[in-house]
Amino acid sequence: GIKCCSNSDTQVKYVDEVGNWSVENGELCGIGYERCSWSILGYPCCSLYPTVVYTDENGSWGYEDGQWCGI
């Protein structure tokens, strides 16, 4: 199977219904939902160092590139 990313601060490159994914050493690796599970709600994950704009029962939100994103 696909290994988990070794660095928990790895930047998300792809998001699908299974989880968050990145690339380490040229290979796909899984980040998992612990870092950012916003795709479940239909929103992308924010970039690596976002500013919190709003917080609700789902967590913290940022606003990037004209759209809401999850932190």
PDB file of N, CA and C in Angstrom:
ATOM      1  N   GLY A   1       0.807  -1.195   0.000  1.00  0.00           N
ATOM      2  CA  GLY A   1       0.000   0.000   0.000  1.00  0.00           C
ATOM      3  C   GLY A   1       0.847   1.254   0.000  1.00  0.00           C
ATOM      4  N   ILE A   2       0.187   2.354   0.131  1.00  0.00           N
ATOM      5  CA  ILE A   2       0.850   3.650   0.144  1.00  0.00           C
ATOM      6  C   ILE A   2       1.257   3.984   1.573  1.00  0.00           C
ATOM      7  N   LYS A   3       2.487   4.419   1.745  1.00  0.00           N
ATOM      8  CA  LYS A   3       2.995   4.761   3.073  1.00  0.00           C
ATOM      9  C   LYS A   3       2.476   6.122   3.521  1.00  0.00           C
ATOM     10  N   CYS A   4       2.479   6.327   4.823  1.00  0.00           N
ATOM     11  CA  CYS A   4       2.156   7.637   5.382  1.00  0.00           C
ATOM     12  C   CYS A   4       3.356   8.557   5.180  1.00  0.00           C
ATOM     13  N   CYS A   5       3.097   9.838   5.002  1.00  0.00           N
ATOM     14  CA  CYS A   5       4.184  10.808   4.880  1.00  0.00           C
ATOM     15  C   CYS A   5       4.960  10.850   6.194  1.00  0.00           C
ATOM     16  N   SER A   6       6.263  10.937   6.107  1.00  0.00           N
ATOM     17  CA  SER A   6       7.089  10.921   7.312  1.00  0.00           C
ATOM     18  C   SER A   6       7.047  12.250   8.061  1.00  0.00           C
ATOM     19  N   ASN A   7       6.764  13.350   7.367  1.00  0.00           N
ATOM     20  CA  ASN A   7       6.717  14.671   7.983  1.00  0.00           C
ATOM     21  C   ASN A   7       5.257  15.096   8.123  1.00  0.00           C
ATOM     22  N   SER A   8       4.786  15.295   9.344  1.00  0.00           N
ATOM     23  CA  SER A   8       3.381  15.660   9.567  1.00  0.00           C
ATOM     24  C   SER A   8       3.045  17.050   9.037  1.00  0.00           C
ATOM     25  N   ASP A   9       4.050  17.865   8.747  1.00  0.00           N
ATOM     26  CA  ASP A   9       3.822  19.200   8.196  1.00  0.00           C
ATOM     27  C   ASP A   9       3.950  19.237   6.676  1.00  0.00           C
ATOM     28  N   THR A  10       3.973  18.068   6.046  1.00  0.00           N
ATOM     29  CA  THR A  10       4.054  17.992   4.596  1.00  0.00           C
ATOM     30  C   THR A  10       2.870  18.707   3.973  1.00  0.00           C
ATOM     31  N   GLN A  11       3.118  19.487   2.929  1.00  0.00           N
ATOM     32  CA  GLN A  11       2.052  20.234   2.267  1.00  0.00           C
ATOM     33  C   GLN A  11       1.164  19.293   1.454  1.00  0.00           C
ATOM     34  N   VAL A  12      -0.142  19.458   1.580  1.00  0.00           N
ATOM     35  CA  VAL A  12      -1.108  18.650   0.840  1.00  0.00           C
ATOM     36  C   VAL A  12      -1.007  18.986  -0.641  1.00  0.00           C
ATOM     37  N   LYS A  13      -0.855  17.961  -1.486  1.00  0.00           N
ATOM     38  CA  LYS A  13      -0.794  18.147  -2.937  1.00  0.00           C
ATOM     39  C   LYS A  13      -2.088  17.707  -3.606  1.00  0.00           C
ATOM     40  N   TYR A  14      -2.744  16.685  -3.053  1.00  0.00           N
ATOM     41  CA  TYR A  14      -3.976  16.141  -3.613  1.00  0.00           C
ATOM     42  C   TYR A  14      -4.928  15.814  -2.474  1.00  0.00           C
ATOM     43  N   VAL A  15      -6.218  15.985  -2.726  1.00  0.00           N
ATOM     44  CA  VAL A  15      -7.242  15.629  -1.746  1.00  0.00           C
ATOM     45  C   VAL A  15      -8.312  14.834  -2.474  1.00  0.00           C
ATOM     46  N   ASP A  16      -8.712  13.696  -1.907  1.00  0.00           N
ATOM     47  CA  ASP A  16      -9.833  12.941  -2.454  1.00  0.00           C
ATOM     48  C   ASP A  16     -10.676  12.413  -1.305  1.00  0.00           C
ATOM     49  N   GLU A  17     -11.637  11.545  -1.611  1.00  0.00           N
ATOM     50  CA  GLU A  17     -12.545  11.047  -0.581  1.00  0.00           C
ATOM     51  C   GLU A  17     -11.867  10.127   0.429  1.00  0.00           C
ATOM     52  N   VAL A  18     -10.668   9.671   0.130  1.00  0.00           N
ATOM     53  CA  VAL A  18      -9.936   8.780   1.024  1.00  0.00           C
ATOM     54  C   VAL A  18      -9.094   9.556   2.026  1.00  0.00           C
ATOM     55  N   GLY A  19      -8.496  10.640   1.586  1.00  0.00           N
ATOM     56  CA  GLY A  19      -7.636  11.404   2.477  1.00  0.00           C
ATOM     57  C   GLY A  19      -6.846  12.475   1.766  1.00  0.00           C
ATOM     58  N   ASN A  20      -5.816  12.935   2.416  1.00  0.00           N
ATOM     59  CA  ASN A  20      -4.925  13.966   1.885  1.00  0.00           C
ATOM     60  C   ASN A  20      -3.609  13.313   1.491  1.00  0.00           C
ATOM     61  N   TRP A  21      -3.052  13.772   0.372  1.00  0.00           N
ATOM     62  CA  TRP A  21      -1.879  13.127  -0.194  1.00  0.00           C
ATOM     63  C   TRP A  21      -0.798  14.141  -0.522  1.00  0.00           C
ATOM     64  N   SER A  22       0.441  13.689  -0.464  1.00  0.00           N
ATOM     65  CA  SER A  22       1.575  14.502  -0.862  1.00  0.00           C
ATOM     66  C   SER A  22       2.581  13.592  -1.560  1.00  0.00           C
ATOM     67  N   VAL A  23       3.750  14.127  -1.831  1.00  0.00           N
ATOM     68  CA  VAL A  23       4.807  13.355  -2.475  1.00  0.00           C
ATOM     69  C   VAL A  23       6.088  13.547  -1.673  1.00  0.00           C
ATOM     70  N   GLU A  24       6.714  12.442  -1.317  1.00  0.00           N
ATOM     71  CA  GLU A  24       8.021  12.460  -0.659  1.00  0.00           C
ATOM     72  C   GLU A  24       8.949  11.532  -1.418  1.00  0.00           C
ATOM     73  N   ASN A  25      10.136  12.017  -1.716  1.00  0.00           N
ATOM     74  CA  ASN A  25      11.128  11.218  -2.451  1.00  0.00           C
ATOM     75  C   ASN A  25      10.551  10.650  -3.739  1.00  0.00           C
ATOM     76  N   GLY A  26       9.701  11.438  -4.405  1.00  0.00           N
ATOM     77  CA  GLY A  26       9.130  11.028  -5.680  1.00  0.00           C
ATOM     78  C   GLY A  26       8.001  10.020  -5.585  1.00  0.00           C
ATOM     79  N   GLU A  27       7.550   9.700  -4.369  1.00  0.00           N
ATOM     80  CA  GLU A  27       6.480   8.719  -4.194  1.00  0.00           C
ATOM     81  C   GLU A  27       5.297   9.323  -3.445  1.00  0.00           C
ATOM     82  N   LEU A  28       4.095   8.909  -3.842  1.00  0.00           N
ATOM     83  CA  LEU A  28       2.879   9.352  -3.182  1.00  0.00           C
ATOM     84  C   LEU A  28       2.869   8.870  -1.737  1.00  0.00           C
ATOM     85  N   CYS A  29       2.444   9.728  -0.823  1.00  0.00           N
ATOM     86  CA  CYS A  29       2.324   9.337   0.580  1.00  0.00           C
ATOM     87  C   CYS A  29       1.051   9.941   1.151  1.00  0.00           C
ATOM     88  N   GLY A  30       0.498   9.288   2.146  1.00  0.00           N
ATOM     89  CA  GLY A  30      -0.750   9.730   2.751  1.00  0.00           C
ATOM     90  C   GLY A  30      -0.520  10.603   3.966  1.00  0.00           C
ATOM     91  N   ILE A  31      -1.299  11.681   4.065  1.00  0.00           N
ATOM     92  CA  ILE A  31      -1.234  12.554   5.230  1.00  0.00           C
ATOM     93  C   ILE A  31      -2.364  12.204   6.180  1.00  0.00           C
ATOM     94  N   GLY A  32      -3.500  11.807   5.643  1.00  0.00           N
ATOM     95  CA  GLY A  32      -4.620  11.399   6.477  1.00  0.00           C
ATOM     96  C   GLY A  32      -5.480  12.565   6.901  1.00  0.00           C
ATOM     97  N   TYR A  33      -6.554  12.263   7.581  1.00  0.00           N
ATOM     98  CA  TYR A  33      -7.510  13.282   7.967  1.00  0.00           C
ATOM     99  C   TYR A  33      -7.142  14.009   9.242  1.00  0.00           C
ATOM    100  N   GLU A  34      -6.096  13.579   9.938  1.00  0.00           N
ATOM    101  CA  GLU A  34      -5.717  14.280  11.151  1.00  0.00           C
ATOM    102  C   GLU A  34      -5.309  15.716  10.851  1.00  0.00           C
ATOM    103  N   ARG A  35      -4.723  15.968   9.707  1.00  0.00           N
ATOM    104  CA  ARG A  35      -4.222  17.295   9.378  1.00  0.00           C
ATOM    105  C   ARG A  35      -5.318  18.173   8.790  1.00  0.00           C
ATOM    106  N   CYS A  36      -6.104  17.641   7.882  1.00  0.00           N
ATOM    107  CA  CYS A  36      -7.118  18.467   7.228  1.00  0.00           C
ATOM    108  C   CYS A  36      -8.189  17.579   6.619  1.00  0.00           C
ATOM    109  N   SER A  37      -9.377  17.636   7.141  1.00  0.00           N
ATOM    110  CA  SER A  37     -10.464  16.777   6.661  1.00  0.00           C
ATOM    111  C   SER A  37     -11.554  17.567   5.952  1.00  0.00           C
ATOM    112  N   TRP A  38     -11.243  18.735   5.472  1.00  0.00           N
ATOM    113  CA  TRP A  38     -12.263  19.624   4.914  1.00  0.00           C
ATOM    114  C   TRP A  38     -12.892  19.120   3.628  1.00  0.00           C
ATOM    115  N   SER A  39     -12.241  18.225   2.903  1.00  0.00           N
ATOM    116  CA  SER A  39     -12.838  17.718   1.671  1.00  0.00           C
ATOM    117  C   SER A  39     -14.149  17.001   1.950  1.00  0.00           C
ATOM    118  N   ILE A  40     -14.320  16.478   3.150  1.00  0.00           N
ATOM    119  CA  ILE A  40     -15.578  15.835   3.529  1.00  0.00           C
ATOM    120  C   ILE A  40     -16.715  16.848   3.475  1.00  0.00           C
ATOM    121  N   LEU A  41     -16.429  18.097   3.821  1.00  0.00           N
ATOM    122  CA  LEU A  41     -17.430  19.164   3.812  1.00  0.00           C
ATOM    123  C   LEU A  41     -17.487  19.892   2.476  1.00  0.00           C
ATOM    124  N   GLY A  42     -16.649  19.488   1.522  1.00  0.00           N
ATOM    125  CA  GLY A  42     -16.658  20.102   0.202  1.00  0.00           C
ATOM    126  C   GLY A  42     -15.768  21.326   0.067  1.00  0.00           C
ATOM    127  N   TYR A  43     -14.821  21.506   0.968  1.00  0.00           N
ATOM    128  CA  TYR A  43     -13.912  22.649   0.919  1.00  0.00           C
ATOM    129  C   TYR A  43     -12.471  22.167   0.822  1.00  0.00           C
ATOM    130  N   PRO A  44     -11.617  22.950   0.169  1.00  0.00           N
ATOM    131  CA  PRO A  44     -10.203  22.571   0.107  1.00  0.00           C
ATOM    132  C   PRO A  44      -9.501  22.877   1.423  1.00  0.00           C
ATOM    133  N   CYS A  45      -8.328  22.323   1.568  1.00  0.00           N
ATOM    134  CA  CYS A  45      -7.483  22.647   2.708  1.00  0.00           C
ATOM    135  C   CYS A  45      -6.745  23.945   2.411  1.00  0.00           C
ATOM    136  N   CYS A  46      -6.532  24.745   3.431  1.00  0.00           N
ATOM    137  CA  CYS A  46      -5.760  25.978   3.267  1.00  0.00           C
ATOM    138  C   CYS A  46      -4.286  25.645   3.048  1.00  0.00           C
ATOM    139  N   SER A  47      -3.549  26.639   2.610  1.00  0.00           N
ATOM    140  CA  SER A  47      -2.115  26.472   2.428  1.00  0.00           C
ATOM    141  C   SER A  47      -1.441  26.211   3.779  1.00  0.00           C
ATOM    142  N   LEU A  48      -0.167  26.035   3.756  1.00  0.00           N
ATOM    143  CA  LEU A  48       0.568  25.609   4.942  1.00  0.00           C
ATOM    144  C   LEU A  48       0.487  26.587   6.117  1.00  0.00           C
ATOM    145  N   TYR A  49       0.490  27.890   5.862  1.00  0.00           N
ATOM    146  CA  TYR A  49       0.466  28.881   6.951  1.00  0.00           C
ATOM    147  C   TYR A  49      -0.702  29.853   6.785  1.00  0.00           C
ATOM    148  N   PRO A  50      -1.923  29.376   6.958  1.00  0.00           N
ATOM    149  CA  PRO A  50      -3.095  30.235   6.748  1.00  0.00           C
ATOM    150  C   PRO A  50      -3.380  31.138   7.950  1.00  0.00           C
ATOM    151  N   THR A  51      -4.184  32.153   7.705  1.00  0.00           N
ATOM    152  CA  THR A  51      -4.684  33.017   8.766  1.00  0.00           C
ATOM    153  C   THR A  51      -6.097  32.579   9.101  1.00  0.00           C
ATOM    154  N   VAL A  52      -6.395  32.366  10.375  1.00  0.00           N
ATOM    155  CA  VAL A  52      -7.743  31.989  10.794  1.00  0.00           C
ATOM    156  C   VAL A  52      -8.647  33.210  10.644  1.00  0.00           C
ATOM    157  N   VAL A  53      -9.722  33.056   9.860  1.00  0.00           N
ATOM    158  CA  VAL A  53     -10.668  34.138   9.619  1.00  0.00           C
ATOM    159  C   VAL A  53     -11.943  33.919  10.417  1.00  0.00           C
ATOM    160  N   TYR A  54     -12.290  32.651  10.638  1.00  0.00           N
ATOM    161  CA  TYR A  54     -13.559  32.314  11.281  1.00  0.00           C
ATOM    162  C   TYR A  54     -13.410  30.956  11.953  1.00  0.00           C
ATOM    163  N   THR A  55     -14.108  30.750  13.046  1.00  0.00           N
ATOM    164  CA  THR A  55     -14.112  29.459  13.731  1.00  0.00           C
ATOM    165  C   THR A  55     -15.546  29.091  14.066  1.00  0.00           C
ATOM    166  N   ASP A  56     -15.922  27.830  13.782  1.00  0.00           N
ATOM    167  CA  ASP A  56     -17.255  27.339  14.132  1.00  0.00           C
ATOM    168  C   ASP A  56     -17.136  25.923  14.685  1.00  0.00           C
ATOM    169  N   GLU A  57     -18.268  25.206  14.762  1.00  0.00           N
ATOM    170  CA  GLU A  57     -18.260  23.860  15.345  1.00  0.00           C
ATOM    171  C   GLU A  57     -17.428  22.860  14.547  1.00  0.00           C
ATOM    172  N   ASN A  58     -17.125  23.172  13.271  1.00  0.00           N
ATOM    173  CA  ASN A  58     -16.309  22.288  12.448  1.00  0.00           C
ATOM    174  C   ASN A  58     -14.817  22.540  12.610  1.00  0.00           C
ATOM    175  N   GLY A  59     -14.464  23.711  13.106  1.00  0.00           N
ATOM    176  CA  GLY A  59     -13.060  24.041  13.265  1.00  0.00           C
ATOM    177  C   GLY A  59     -12.750  25.442  12.793  1.00  0.00           C
ATOM    178  N   SER A  60     -11.513  25.648  12.365  1.00  0.00           N
ATOM    179  CA  SER A  60     -11.055  26.969  11.926  1.00  0.00           C
ATOM    180  C   SER A  60     -11.069  27.061  10.409  1.00  0.00           C
ATOM    181  N   TRP A  61     -11.400  28.256   9.915  1.00  0.00           N
ATOM    182  CA  TRP A  61     -11.513  28.520   8.483  1.00  0.00           C
ATOM    183  C   TRP A  61     -10.582  29.649   8.072  1.00  0.00           C
ATOM    184  N   GLY A  62     -10.080  29.546   6.869  1.00  0.00           N
ATOM    185  CA  GLY A  62      -9.313  30.619   6.248  1.00  0.00           C
ATOM    186  C   GLY A  62     -10.004  31.018   4.956  1.00  0.00           C
ATOM    187  N   TYR A  63      -9.476  32.023   4.280  1.00  0.00           N
ATOM    188  CA  TYR A  63     -10.026  32.468   3.000  1.00  0.00           C
ATOM    189  C   TYR A  63      -8.853  32.723   2.072  1.00  0.00           C
ATOM    190  N   GLU A  64      -8.752  31.907   1.017  1.00  0.00           N
ATOM    191  CA  GLU A  64      -7.641  32.002   0.072  1.00  0.00           C
ATOM    192  C   GLU A  64      -8.152  31.873  -1.352  1.00  0.00           C
ATOM    193  N   ASP A  65      -7.556  32.622  -2.251  1.00  0.00           N
ATOM    194  CA  ASP A  65      -7.896  32.544  -3.677  1.00  0.00           C
ATOM    195  C   ASP A  65      -9.389  32.674  -3.918  1.00  0.00           C
ATOM    196  N   GLY A  66     -10.052  33.538  -3.154  1.00  0.00           N
ATOM    197  CA  GLY A  66     -11.474  33.797  -3.360  1.00  0.00           C
ATOM    198  C   GLY A  66     -12.409  32.727  -2.849  1.00  0.00           C
ATOM    199  N   GLN A  67     -11.922  31.809  -2.021  1.00  0.00           N
ATOM    200  CA  GLN A  67     -12.802  30.768  -1.488  1.00  0.00           C
ATOM    201  C   GLN A  67     -12.420  30.395  -0.057  1.00  0.00           C
ATOM    202  N   TRP A  68     -13.400  29.880   0.678  1.00  0.00           N
ATOM    203  CA  TRP A  68     -13.160  29.401   2.039  1.00  0.00           C
ATOM    204  C   TRP A  68     -12.326  28.133   1.984  1.00  0.00           C
ATOM    205  N   CYS A  69     -11.482  27.951   2.980  1.00  0.00           N
ATOM    206  CA  CYS A  69     -10.680  26.730   3.071  1.00  0.00           C
ATOM    207  C   CYS A  69     -10.556  26.335   4.537  1.00  0.00           C
ATOM    208  N   GLY A  70     -10.373  25.060   4.768  1.00  0.00           N
ATOM    209  CA  GLY A  70     -10.270  24.539   6.127  1.00  0.00           C
ATOM    210  C   GLY A  70      -8.847  24.510   6.630  1.00  0.00           C
ATOM    211  N   ILE A  71      -8.725  24.782   7.928  1.00  0.00           N
ATOM    212  CA  ILE A  71      -7.404  24.774   8.558  1.00  0.00           C
ATOM    213  C   ILE A  71      -7.305  23.568   9.478  1.00  0.00           C
TER     214      ILE A  71
END
